[in-house]
N, C-alpha and C. Protein backbone atom coordinates (compact mmCIF):
# COMPACT_ATOMS: atom_id res chain seq x y z
N MET A 1 304.70 94.81 147.88
CA MET A 1 305.96 94.37 148.04
C MET A 1 305.79 93.28 149.07
N THR A 2 307.01 92.47 148.90
CA THR A 2 307.23 91.15 150.07
C THR A 2 307.73 91.51 151.43
N ARG A 3 307.08 91.26 152.50
CA ARG A 3 307.53 91.46 153.82
C ARG A 3 308.78 90.56 154.30
N LYS A 4 309.83 91.24 154.59
CA LYS A 4 310.98 90.59 155.39
C LYS A 4 310.79 89.90 156.49
N ARG A 5 311.05 88.40 156.40
CA ARG A 5 310.57 87.95 158.06
C ARG A 5 311.86 87.44 158.99
N TRP A 6 311.96 87.88 159.80
CA TRP A 6 312.92 87.96 161.04
C TRP A 6 312.33 87.18 162.31
N ASP A 7 313.24 86.01 162.60
CA ASP A 7 312.43 85.18 163.76
C ASP A 7 313.54 85.34 165.04
N VAL A 8 313.08 85.21 166.20
CA VAL A 8 313.35 84.95 167.47
C VAL A 8 313.23 83.56 167.77
N VAL A 9 314.31 82.66 167.96
CA VAL A 9 314.20 81.39 168.15
C VAL A 9 315.03 80.88 169.34
N PRO A 10 314.71 79.67 170.11
CA PRO A 10 315.43 79.21 171.01
C PRO A 10 316.80 78.63 170.55
N ASN A 11 317.87 78.73 171.29
CA ASN A 11 319.39 78.20 170.73
C ASN A 11 319.74 77.36 171.84
N GLY A 12 319.05 76.50 172.46
CA GLY A 12 319.64 75.89 173.99
C GLY A 12 318.85 76.79 174.51
N THR A 13 320.09 77.42 175.80
CA THR A 13 319.86 78.35 176.73
C THR A 13 319.84 79.68 176.39
N GLN A 14 320.42 79.86 175.29
CA GLN A 14 320.10 81.07 174.46
C GLN A 14 319.24 81.44 173.45
N TRP A 15 319.09 82.66 172.93
CA TRP A 15 318.09 82.95 171.73
C TRP A 15 318.89 83.70 170.73
N ARG A 16 318.18 83.51 169.44
CA ARG A 16 319.12 83.56 168.25
C ARG A 16 317.82 84.24 167.54
N LEU A 17 318.56 85.57 166.57
CA LEU A 17 317.86 86.12 165.63
C LEU A 17 318.15 85.69 164.51
N THR A 18 317.06 85.50 163.51
CA THR A 18 317.15 84.73 162.23
C THR A 18 316.46 85.77 161.08
N HIS A 19 317.11 85.51 160.01
CA HIS A 19 316.72 86.01 158.72
C HIS A 19 317.15 84.92 157.65
N LEU A 20 315.72 84.55 157.12
CA LEU A 20 316.19 83.74 155.89
C LEU A 20 316.62 82.68 156.33
N GLY A 21 316.69 82.12 157.59
CA GLY A 21 317.17 80.97 157.93
C GLY A 21 318.81 80.98 158.46
N ALA A 22 319.15 81.95 158.28
CA ALA A 22 320.88 82.62 158.45
C ALA A 22 320.61 83.30 160.16
N THR A 23 321.58 82.84 160.98
CA THR A 23 321.80 83.49 161.99
C THR A 23 322.25 84.93 162.01
N VAL A 24 321.50 85.82 162.38
CA VAL A 24 321.76 87.08 162.49
C VAL A 24 322.70 87.68 163.87
N SER A 25 322.29 87.41 164.92
CA SER A 25 322.83 87.21 166.31
C SER A 25 322.05 86.56 167.61
N ASN A 26 323.29 86.32 168.11
CA ASN A 26 322.79 85.60 169.36
C ASN A 26 322.74 86.17 170.98
N HIS A 27 321.71 85.92 171.51
CA HIS A 27 321.50 86.34 172.65
C HIS A 27 321.49 85.61 174.17
N LEU A 28 321.88 86.37 175.19
CA LEU A 28 321.63 85.54 176.55
C LEU A 28 319.89 85.44 177.00
N ALA A 29 319.36 86.63 176.72
CA ALA A 29 318.20 86.84 177.01
C ALA A 29 317.23 86.73 175.90
N LYS A 30 316.33 86.42 175.87
CA LYS A 30 314.82 86.44 175.20
C LYS A 30 314.71 87.97 174.66
N GLN A 31 314.29 88.41 175.70
CA GLN A 31 314.05 90.08 175.16
C GLN A 31 315.30 91.11 174.69
N ALA A 32 316.25 90.46 174.74
CA ALA A 32 317.63 90.86 174.10
C ALA A 32 317.65 90.68 172.59
N ALA A 33 317.12 89.45 172.26
CA ALA A 33 316.92 88.92 171.08
C ALA A 33 315.85 89.38 170.28
N ILE A 34 314.76 89.78 171.00
CA ILE A 34 313.32 90.59 170.60
C ILE A 34 313.67 91.91 170.60
N ASP A 35 314.40 92.95 170.99
CA ASP A 35 314.64 94.06 170.80
C ASP A 35 315.70 94.51 169.65
N ALA A 36 316.67 93.06 169.51
CA ALA A 36 317.27 93.23 168.18
C ALA A 36 316.59 93.11 166.89
N GLY A 37 315.65 92.29 167.28
CA GLY A 37 314.51 92.08 165.87
C GLY A 37 313.58 93.04 166.05
N VAL A 38 313.08 93.77 166.77
CA VAL A 38 312.22 94.99 166.32
C VAL A 38 313.20 95.86 165.80
N ALA A 39 314.69 96.11 166.12
CA ALA A 39 315.51 97.31 165.54
C ALA A 39 315.39 96.38 164.19
N ALA A 40 315.83 95.63 163.75
CA ALA A 40 315.98 94.79 162.20
C ALA A 40 314.89 95.06 161.39
N ALA A 41 313.97 94.78 162.28
CA ALA A 41 312.28 94.59 161.02
C ALA A 41 311.97 96.16 161.05
N ARG A 42 312.13 97.01 162.21
CA ARG A 42 311.78 98.37 161.92
C ARG A 42 312.78 99.18 160.86
N ALA A 43 313.80 98.81 160.72
CA ALA A 43 314.85 99.48 159.73
C ALA A 43 314.81 98.81 158.17
N ASN A 44 314.29 97.81 157.99
CA ASN A 44 314.05 97.00 156.59
C ASN A 44 312.37 96.91 156.69
N GLN A 45 311.64 98.03 156.77
CA GLN A 45 310.35 97.48 156.06
C GLN A 45 309.99 97.58 155.07
N PRO A 46 309.06 96.73 154.68
CA PRO A 46 307.75 95.97 155.31
C PRO A 46 308.55 94.79 155.72
N SER A 47 308.42 94.44 157.10
CA SER A 47 309.24 93.33 157.74
C SER A 47 308.12 92.60 158.76
N GLN A 48 308.13 91.41 158.89
CA GLN A 48 307.43 90.56 159.96
C GLN A 48 308.35 90.06 161.08
N LEU A 49 308.24 90.38 162.15
CA LEU A 49 308.88 89.64 163.26
C LEU A 49 308.07 88.23 163.95
N LEU A 50 308.58 87.39 164.01
CA LEU A 50 307.83 85.93 164.60
C LEU A 50 308.61 85.68 166.13
N ILE A 51 308.06 85.81 166.94
CA ILE A 51 308.70 85.64 168.25
C ILE A 51 308.21 84.29 168.57
N HIS A 52 309.37 83.05 168.67
CA HIS A 52 308.93 81.85 168.97
C HIS A 52 308.79 81.67 170.82
N ARG A 53 308.23 80.36 171.40
CA ARG A 53 308.33 80.13 172.73
C ARG A 53 309.76 79.13 172.62
N GLN A 54 310.04 78.61 173.88
CA GLN A 54 311.13 77.58 174.14
C GLN A 54 310.94 76.41 173.62
N ASP A 55 309.67 75.92 173.17
CA ASP A 55 309.37 74.95 172.52
C ASP A 55 309.27 74.60 170.89
N GLY A 56 309.49 76.32 170.56
CA GLY A 56 309.51 76.58 168.91
C GLY A 56 308.08 76.93 168.52
N ALA A 57 307.21 76.71 169.50
CA ALA A 57 305.78 77.50 169.04
C ALA A 57 305.70 78.80 168.55
N ILE A 58 305.09 79.48 167.77
CA ILE A 58 305.30 81.09 167.59
C ILE A 58 304.09 81.55 168.76
N GLU A 59 304.79 82.26 169.57
CA GLU A 59 304.39 82.97 170.56
C GLU A 59 303.40 84.33 170.12
N ASP A 60 304.28 85.39 169.42
CA ASP A 60 303.74 86.68 168.96
C ASP A 60 304.36 86.72 167.40
N GLU A 61 303.51 87.71 166.96
CA GLU A 61 303.87 87.90 165.49
C GLU A 61 303.48 89.71 165.39
N ARG A 62 304.71 90.05 164.70
CA ARG A 62 304.47 91.69 164.84
C ARG A 62 305.00 91.93 163.32
N THR A 63 303.96 93.11 162.84
CA THR A 63 304.01 93.15 161.62
C THR A 63 304.59 94.84 161.39
N TYR A 64 305.54 95.44 160.89
CA TYR A 64 306.17 96.61 160.86
C TYR A 64 306.20 97.21 159.15
N GLY A 65 305.44 98.04 158.86
CA GLY A 65 305.07 98.61 157.52
C GLY A 65 304.02 98.30 156.73
N ASP A 66 303.64 98.70 155.91
CA ASP A 66 302.56 98.14 154.74
C ASP A 66 301.92 96.74 154.99
N ASP A 67 301.08 96.81 156.21
CA ASP A 67 300.58 95.90 156.62
C ASP A 67 299.45 95.58 155.77
N PRO A 68 299.47 94.30 155.23
CA PRO A 68 298.52 93.94 154.03
C PRO A 68 296.79 93.88 154.76
N PHE A 69 296.82 93.54 155.82
CA PHE A 69 295.61 93.36 156.69
C PHE A 69 295.39 94.16 158.14
N PRO A 70 295.46 95.21 157.93
CA PRO A 70 294.93 95.78 159.25
C PRO A 70 293.80 95.76 159.87
N PRO A 71 293.82 95.61 161.31
CA PRO A 71 292.33 95.62 161.85
C PRO A 71 291.83 96.66 161.98
N ARG A 72 290.55 96.45 161.94
CA ARG A 72 289.35 97.64 161.72
C ARG A 72 289.48 97.91 163.14
N GLY A 73 289.28 99.36 163.48
CA GLY A 73 289.27 100.06 164.65
C GLY A 73 288.24 100.88 164.70
């Protein structure tokens, strides 16, 4: 099953949560956008949340449900 992709991206001085390129929500703080992204990804598993830096580079990637490559522990 294909994972749904959610992105937390900068939007000027604010932060935006997007899905399939469309804006889902806008937030004043990055952490608020991350929290909204985590909630959306958990509710729509299997999902992937990509958190970007202010310069647009990927800072963190989180996978929820059915991870095809779980780390060995």
